[in-house]
Amino acid sequence: MTTAARKAALPAGLTRAQLLELYYWMRLTRSLEEKLVALYRQTKVVGGLFRSLGQEADAVGSAFALDRTKGDILSPLIRNLGSMLVQGATPIEVLRQYMAKADSPTRGRELNIHFNDLARGYLGQISHLGDMVTVMCGVALSFKIRKEPRVGLVYIGDGAMSTGAFHEGINFAAVQRLPLVIVAENNGYAYSTPIHKQTAVKFLVEKAAGYGVAGDQADGNDVLAVYEVTKRAVDRARSGGGVTLVELITYRRKGHAEHDNQGYVPKEEIEAWEARDPIDRYLRQLETSGWASRADLSAIDARVTSEIDAAVAQCENEPFPAPATALDGVLASAPAADLEWYRSL
């Protein structure tokens, strides 16, 4: 390690421990998804599997800018597993959820990351087509009405920014000056539609001016840049400055889901973005700046492997929900016993 590296200033007001924590969350996200791929290929995952390969920095860096001690809440999309892990979701919950286990957060009724825990600060999506912007407007409005120093953060993809729900939500949030951060993930494709075929703006952040809100942009594959741009937006929202539209430039290196072979994407495009891999970049930055040693990083890798292996061992053979429990928690009270479609336990 060089003298210059040893003297590199810590960035963005973060401590060395926090820098290592950012690496842990990104590594945990990727390794957990890799394990899910293996389980998917063994037909142990129920339903679809959505990877965030290449987008780990934008989910982790943005969520890390929130303050859980103040009660901040985020609403993730299907490629924002990392944000939920930062907020307190655990690998075993995610594994159980994807495998539809009886002890999953939704008791097998929902899949992938469609689950909530408001106490830990995440509100599961009901749709990825812009609707969570309006839902999070309501959440942020409740913060404002109760005069709570809390901030809401919602993710939206480039395709969903062309929907009416996005327009209605950001317009309402702008007029009401809500404590809300809208993170627009520009990953190049809305399923198989390239961004230039569904919006005329060059950058999504340009849309902020049309609503009279602050706009900011960062390299979504640089976790520190993501943290800094989101932290500015969070601080602005908490101080009464209203909404910020944050655009993160990133790339989806896998298809929409595991069933999508991504044949509509040029191979050289994927290879170019692979060279900008967010975890590889951050690893180099940590070492060359002297913020972490190889031993530090190897210890984190070992911790991640151990945690995921333990979670898989615990839940892989757990039971599915009993069919008789299908209506538990659905009805406010049990219907009349003579209804043919209902069977009580």
Protein backbone atom coordinates (compact mmCIF):
# COMPACT_ATOMS: atom_id res chain seq x y z
CA MET A 1 0.00 0.00 0.00
CA THR A 2 1.40 3.39 -0.98
CA THR A 3 1.69 6.41 1.28
CA ALA A 4 -0.80 8.24 -0.94
CA ALA A 5 -3.27 5.40 -0.54
CA ARG A 6 -2.88 5.37 3.23
CA LYS A 7 -3.63 9.10 3.36
CA ALA A 8 -6.68 9.07 1.06
CA ALA A 9 -9.46 11.02 2.74
CA LEU A 10 -12.62 9.16 3.63
CA PRO A 11 -15.40 10.18 1.22
CA ALA A 12 -18.87 11.63 1.67
CA GLY A 13 -18.62 11.96 5.45
CA LEU A 14 -18.57 8.19 5.84
CA THR A 15 -16.49 6.23 8.32
CA ARG A 16 -14.25 3.33 7.38
CA ALA A 17 -16.75 0.95 8.99
CA GLN A 18 -19.51 2.37 6.82
CA LEU A 19 -17.41 1.94 3.68
CA LEU A 20 -16.98 -1.73 4.54
CA GLU A 21 -20.69 -2.00 5.27
CA LEU A 22 -21.50 -0.76 1.76
CA TYR A 23 -19.34 -3.54 0.34
CA TYR A 24 -21.04 -6.09 2.59
CA TRP A 25 -24.52 -5.13 1.41
CA MET A 26 -23.56 -5.23 -2.28
CA ARG A 27 -21.79 -8.55 -1.91
CA LEU A 28 -24.71 -9.99 0.08
CA THR A 29 -27.15 -8.88 -2.61
CA ARG A 30 -25.22 -10.47 -5.45
CA SER A 31 -24.37 -13.68 -3.62
CA LEU A 32 -27.94 -14.14 -2.42
CA GLU A 33 -29.25 -13.72 -5.95
CA GLU A 34 -26.65 -16.17 -7.26
CA LYS A 35 -27.88 -18.70 -4.71
CA LEU A 36 -31.46 -18.05 -5.82
CA VAL A 37 -30.44 -18.75 -9.42
CA ALA A 38 -29.06 -22.13 -8.35
CA LEU A 39 -32.29 -22.89 -6.49
CA TYR A 40 -34.36 -21.70 -9.47
CA ARG A 41 -32.56 -24.12 -11.76
CA GLN A 42 -33.35 -26.88 -9.28
CA THR A 43 -37.05 -25.85 -9.54
CA LYS A 44 -37.05 -24.86 -5.87
CA VAL A 45 -37.99 -21.24 -6.59
CA VAL A 46 -41.70 -20.71 -7.20
CA GLY A 47 -42.50 -18.20 -9.93
CA GLY A 48 -40.09 -15.77 -11.55
CA LEU A 49 -36.62 -14.71 -10.49
CA PHE A 50 -35.51 -11.14 -11.13
CA ARG A 51 -31.80 -10.33 -10.96
CA SER A 52 -30.19 -7.01 -10.12
CA LEU A 53 -26.83 -7.98 -11.64
CA GLY A 54 -25.02 -4.70 -12.35
CA GLN A 55 -27.49 -2.61 -10.34
CA GLU A 56 -26.45 -3.49 -6.79
CA ALA A 57 -24.76 -0.12 -6.18
CA ASP A 58 -27.85 1.94 -6.93
CA ALA A 59 -30.09 -0.03 -4.55
CA VAL A 60 -27.55 -0.23 -1.73
CA GLY A 61 -26.12 3.28 -2.01
CA SER A 62 -29.52 4.96 -2.13
CA ALA A 63 -30.99 3.01 0.78
CA PHE A 64 -27.86 3.65 2.83
CA ALA A 65 -28.62 7.38 2.62
CA LEU A 66 -31.84 6.94 4.60
CA ASP A 67 -31.99 7.14 8.39
CA ARG A 68 -33.71 4.15 9.91
CA THR A 69 -33.51 5.70 13.39
CA LYS A 70 -35.83 8.48 12.16
CA GLY A 71 -38.29 6.06 10.60
CA ASP A 72 -37.53 6.64 6.91
CA ILE A 73 -39.37 4.26 4.57
CA LEU A 74 -38.61 3.07 1.05
CA SER A 75 -40.57 1.20 -1.58
CA PRO A 76 -38.41 -1.11 -3.72
CA LEU A 77 -38.84 -2.52 -7.20
CA ILE A 78 -38.04 -6.09 -8.22
CA ARG A 79 -34.36 -5.25 -8.74
CA ASN A 80 -33.94 -3.45 -5.41
CA LEU A 81 -33.33 -6.41 -3.13
CA GLY A 82 -30.22 -4.64 -1.86
CA SER A 83 -32.28 -1.74 -0.54
CA MET A 84 -34.43 -4.08 1.53
CA LEU A 85 -31.39 -5.84 2.97
CA VAL A 86 -29.97 -2.46 4.04
CA GLN A 87 -33.28 -1.68 5.75
CA GLY A 88 -33.22 -4.95 7.69
CA ALA A 89 -34.69 -7.74 5.57
CA THR A 90 -32.79 -10.99 6.09
CA PRO A 91 -31.52 -13.62 3.61
CA ILE A 92 -33.69 -16.33 5.15
CA GLU A 93 -36.82 -14.21 4.69
CA VAL A 94 -35.93 -13.63 1.05
CA LEU A 95 -35.21 -17.31 0.44
CA ARG A 96 -38.44 -18.40 2.10
CA GLN A 97 -40.37 -15.83 0.11
CA TYR A 98 -38.95 -16.96 -3.24
CA MET A 99 -39.59 -20.60 -2.35
CA ALA A 100 -43.14 -19.88 -1.06
CA LYS A 101 -42.50 -21.46 2.33
CA ALA A 102 -45.10 -21.51 5.09
CA ASP A 103 -42.84 -19.37 7.28
CA SER A 104 -42.14 -16.78 4.58
CA PRO A 105 -43.13 -13.16 5.37
CA THR A 106 -46.36 -13.61 3.37
CA ARG A 107 -46.86 -17.26 4.41
CA GLY A 108 -46.56 -18.38 0.80
CA ARG A 109 -49.22 -16.00 -0.52
CA GLU A 110 -46.82 -13.76 -2.43
CA LEU A 111 -43.44 -14.25 -4.07
CA ASN A 112 -39.99 -12.64 -4.55
CA ILE A 113 -39.71 -9.33 -2.68
CA HIS A 114 -43.41 -8.51 -2.50
CA PHE A 115 -43.54 -8.14 1.28
CA ASN A 116 -43.64 -5.37 3.84
CA ASP A 117 -42.24 -4.42 7.17
CA LEU A 118 -43.00 -0.82 8.01
CA ALA A 119 -41.22 -1.13 11.34
CA ARG A 120 -38.00 -1.89 9.49
CA GLY A 121 -38.74 0.67 6.81
CA TYR A 122 -39.80 -1.00 3.58
CA LEU A 123 -43.15 -1.11 1.81
CA GLY A 124 -43.43 -3.88 -0.78
CA GLN A 125 -44.53 -3.06 -4.29
CA ILE A 126 -48.03 -3.67 -5.60
CA SER A 127 -46.94 -2.79 -9.14
CA HIS A 128 -43.74 -1.82 -10.93
CA LEU A 129 -45.58 0.47 -13.36
CA GLY A 130 -45.42 3.71 -11.41
CA ASP A 131 -48.19 3.04 -8.90
CA MET A 132 -45.84 2.99 -5.92
CA VAL A 133 -45.03 6.65 -6.55
CA THR A 134 -48.62 7.56 -5.69
CA VAL A 135 -48.63 5.17 -2.73
CA MET A 136 -45.44 6.70 -1.37
CA CYS A 137 -46.93 10.14 -1.87
CA GLY A 138 -49.56 9.11 0.65
CA VAL A 139 -46.89 7.83 3.02
CA ALA A 140 -44.89 11.06 2.71
CA LEU A 141 -48.05 13.14 3.13
CA SER A 142 -48.70 11.36 6.44
CA PHE A 143 -45.20 12.35 7.57
CA LYS A 144 -45.90 15.98 6.70
CA ILE A 145 -49.33 16.08 8.36
CA ARG A 146 -47.94 14.58 11.57
CA LYS A 147 -44.93 16.89 11.41
CA GLU A 148 -42.56 13.92 11.62
CA PRO A 149 -38.96 14.33 10.43
CA ARG A 150 -39.27 11.27 8.18
CA VAL A 151 -38.51 10.78 4.49
CA GLY A 152 -39.96 8.44 1.90
CA LEU A 153 -38.00 7.03 -1.01
CA VAL A 154 -39.49 5.28 -4.01
CA TYR A 155 -37.80 3.62 -6.97
CA ILE A 156 -39.10 3.78 -10.52
CA GLY A 157 -37.78 2.40 -13.79
CA ASP A 158 -37.28 4.32 -17.01
CA GLY A 159 -40.30 2.66 -18.65
CA ALA A 160 -42.65 3.36 -15.74
CA MET A 161 -41.78 7.05 -15.95
CA SER A 162 -43.92 7.12 -19.09
CA THR A 163 -47.05 6.07 -17.19
CA GLY A 164 -49.85 8.25 -15.87
CA ALA A 165 -49.32 7.05 -12.30
CA PHE A 166 -45.83 8.52 -12.27
CA HIS A 167 -47.08 11.86 -13.60
CA GLU A 168 -49.91 12.08 -11.08
CA GLY A 169 -47.68 11.07 -8.20
CA ILE A 170 -44.75 13.41 -8.81
CA ASN A 171 -47.09 16.28 -9.63
CA PHE A 172 -49.00 15.83 -6.36
CA ALA A 173 -45.76 15.47 -4.40
CA ALA A 174 -44.37 18.61 -5.99
CA VAL A 175 -47.42 20.73 -5.23
CA GLN A 176 -47.59 19.47 -1.64
CA ARG A 177 -43.80 19.74 -1.15
CA LEU A 178 -43.71 16.26 0.28
CA PRO A 179 -40.60 14.77 1.93
CA LEU A 180 -40.10 12.31 -0.91
CA VAL A 181 -37.15 11.13 -2.98
CA ILE A 182 -37.94 9.51 -6.34
CA VAL A 183 -35.06 7.38 -7.60
CA ALA A 184 -35.28 6.82 -11.35
CA GLU A 185 -33.23 3.81 -12.37
CA ASN A 186 -32.15 4.32 -15.96
CA ASN A 187 -30.97 0.81 -16.80
CA GLY A 188 -31.50 1.11 -20.52
CA TYR A 189 -34.51 -1.13 -21.03
CA ALA A 190 -38.15 -1.38 -20.04
CA TYR A 191 -38.32 -5.15 -20.37
CA SER A 192 -37.16 -5.32 -24.02
CA THR A 193 -37.88 -1.71 -25.03
CA PRO A 194 -34.79 0.53 -25.19
CA ILE A 195 -35.24 3.89 -23.54
CA HIS A 196 -35.03 5.94 -26.76
CA LYS A 197 -38.16 4.20 -28.06
CA GLN A 198 -40.40 5.26 -25.19
CA THR A 199 -39.27 8.76 -24.17
CA ALA A 200 -37.86 11.70 -26.12
CA VAL A 201 -35.67 13.13 -23.36
CA LYS A 202 -31.99 12.26 -23.37
CA PHE A 203 -31.87 11.93 -19.58
CA LEU A 204 -34.75 11.16 -17.22
CA VAL A 205 -33.70 13.89 -14.81
CA GLU A 206 -34.78 16.45 -17.41
CA LYS A 207 -38.37 15.66 -16.44
CA ALA A 208 -37.88 17.23 -13.01
CA ALA A 209 -38.12 20.76 -14.44
CA GLY A 210 -41.59 20.07 -15.80
CA TYR A 211 -42.86 19.50 -12.27
CA GLY A 212 -40.92 22.28 -10.57
CA VAL A 213 -38.85 19.93 -8.42
CA ALA A 214 -35.14 19.48 -7.86
CA GLY A 215 -33.34 17.06 -10.14
CA ASP A 216 -30.00 15.33 -9.69
CA GLN A 217 -28.08 12.60 -11.46
CA ALA A 218 -25.28 10.17 -10.67
CA ASP A 219 -23.41 7.16 -11.99
CA GLY A 220 -25.54 4.32 -10.68
CA ASN A 221 -22.58 1.92 -10.82
CA ASP A 222 -20.59 4.02 -8.34
CA VAL A 223 -21.95 3.27 -4.88
CA LEU A 224 -20.37 6.34 -3.30
CA ALA A 225 -21.77 8.65 -5.98
CA VAL A 226 -25.19 7.07 -5.46
CA TYR A 227 -24.96 7.57 -1.72
CA GLU A 228 -23.93 11.21 -2.05
CA VAL A 229 -26.62 12.20 -4.55
CA THR A 230 -29.33 10.43 -2.55
CA LYS A 231 -28.12 11.87 0.74
CA ARG A 232 -28.47 15.38 -0.69
CA ALA A 233 -32.01 14.58 -1.75
CA VAL A 234 -32.89 13.03 1.61
CA ASP A 235 -31.48 16.02 3.50
CA ARG A 236 -33.44 18.38 1.23
CA ALA A 237 -36.66 16.47 1.83
CA ARG A 238 -36.16 16.33 5.60
CA SER A 239 -35.50 20.06 5.81
CA GLY A 240 -38.74 20.93 4.01
CA GLY A 241 -37.29 21.38 0.52
CA GLY A 242 -39.70 18.94 -1.08
CA VAL A 243 -39.22 16.34 -3.77
CA THR A 244 -36.06 15.45 -5.66
CA LEU A 245 -35.99 13.33 -8.79
CA VAL A 246 -32.70 11.42 -8.73
CA GLU A 247 -31.61 9.66 -11.92
CA LEU A 248 -29.11 6.83 -11.59
CA ILE A 249 -27.43 5.74 -14.82
CA THR A 250 -26.92 1.99 -14.63
CA TYR A 251 -27.48 -1.14 -16.67
CA ARG A 252 -29.43 -4.38 -16.37
CA ARG A 253 -26.94 -7.12 -17.28
CA LYS A 254 -29.54 -9.88 -17.18
CA GLY A 255 -32.88 -10.19 -18.90
CA HIS A 256 -36.10 -8.96 -17.33
CA ALA A 257 -36.20 -12.26 -15.42
CA GLU A 258 -34.43 -15.61 -15.59
CA HIS A 259 -36.78 -16.78 -18.35
CA ASP A 260 -35.65 -13.87 -20.59
CA ASN A 261 -32.55 -14.70 -22.65
CA GLN A 262 -31.94 -11.01 -23.43
CA GLY A 263 -31.64 -11.75 -27.15
CA TYR A 264 -32.72 -8.19 -27.98
CA VAL A 265 -29.52 -6.73 -26.46
CA PRO A 266 -26.24 -6.51 -28.41
CA LYS A 267 -23.58 -8.72 -26.82
CA GLU A 268 -20.95 -5.96 -26.97
CA GLU A 269 -23.26 -3.67 -24.99
CA ILE A 270 -23.44 -6.14 -22.12
CA GLU A 271 -19.66 -6.65 -22.24
CA ALA A 272 -19.04 -2.90 -22.09
CA TRP A 273 -21.14 -2.58 -18.96
CA GLU A 274 -19.59 -5.67 -17.41
CA ALA A 275 -16.31 -3.74 -17.44
CA ARG A 276 -18.06 -1.15 -15.24
CA ASP A 277 -19.30 -3.70 -12.72
CA PRO A 278 -20.20 -1.81 -9.51
CA ILE A 279 -18.73 -4.34 -7.09
CA ASP A 280 -15.46 -4.72 -8.98
CA ARG A 281 -15.12 -0.94 -9.19
CA TYR A 282 -15.75 -0.47 -5.50
CA LEU A 283 -13.31 -3.23 -4.57
CA ARG A 284 -10.55 -1.48 -6.52
CA GLN A 285 -11.45 1.84 -4.95
CA LEU A 286 -11.38 0.45 -1.42
CA GLU A 287 -7.95 -1.10 -1.89
CA THR A 288 -6.23 1.62 -3.90
CA SER A 289 -7.47 4.33 -1.54
CA GLY A 290 -6.33 2.41 1.51
CA TRP A 291 -9.81 2.26 3.00
CA ALA A 292 -9.76 -1.54 3.25
CA SER A 293 -7.25 -4.36 3.10
CA ARG A 294 -7.61 -7.60 1.19
CA ALA A 295 -8.02 -9.33 4.56
CA ASP A 296 -10.94 -7.02 5.42
CA LEU A 297 -12.69 -7.81 2.16
CA SER A 298 -12.01 -11.54 2.34
CA ALA A 299 -13.53 -11.59 5.81
CA ILE A 300 -16.69 -9.96 4.47
CA ASP A 301 -16.85 -12.46 1.61
CA ALA A 302 -16.56 -15.32 4.07
CA ARG A 303 -19.26 -13.80 6.29
CA VAL A 304 -21.65 -13.49 3.34
CA THR A 305 -21.05 -17.08 2.24
CA SER A 306 -21.58 -18.36 5.78
CA GLU A 307 -24.80 -16.40 6.30
CA ILE A 308 -26.33 -17.51 3.00
CA ASP A 309 -25.32 -21.16 3.42
CA ALA A 310 -26.81 -21.19 6.91
CA ALA A 311 -30.05 -19.63 5.67
CA VAL A 312 -30.40 -22.15 2.83
CA ALA A 313 -29.69 -25.06 5.16
CA GLN A 314 -32.36 -23.85 7.54
CA CYS A 315 -35.18 -23.23 5.08
CA GLU A 316 -34.61 -25.38 1.99
CA ASN A 317 -36.63 -28.33 3.28
CA GLU A 318 -39.20 -26.36 5.25
CA PRO A 319 -42.86 -27.07 4.38
CA PHE A 320 -45.15 -25.16 2.06
CA PRO A 321 -48.32 -23.66 3.55
CA ALA A 322 -51.09 -26.13 4.31
CA PRO A 323 -53.93 -25.72 1.76
CA ALA A 324 -56.42 -25.26 4.58
CA THR A 325 -54.69 -22.03 5.61
CA ALA A 326 -55.30 -20.31 2.26
CA LEU A 327 -57.95 -17.96 3.65
CA ASP A 328 -56.21 -17.17 6.93
CA GLY A 329 -55.82 -13.43 7.26
CA VAL A 330 -57.89 -12.76 4.13
CA LEU A 331 -61.31 -12.36 5.70
CA ALA A 332 -62.10 -10.12 8.67
CA SER A 333 -64.10 -12.93 10.23
CA ALA A 334 -65.04 -16.46 9.27
CA PRO A 335 -68.06 -16.63 6.92
CA ALA A 336 -71.06 -18.78 7.57
CA ALA A 337 -70.06 -22.40 7.95
CA ASP A 338 -72.58 -23.58 5.36
CA LEU A 339 -70.84 -21.76 2.48
CA GLU A 340 -69.47 -24.47 0.21
CA TRP A 341 -66.40 -22.51 -0.83
CA TYR A 342 -65.16 -22.07 2.72
CA ARG A 343 -63.71 -24.71 4.97
CA SER A 344 -62.65 -23.72 8.49
CA LEU A 345 -59.71 -25.35 10.19
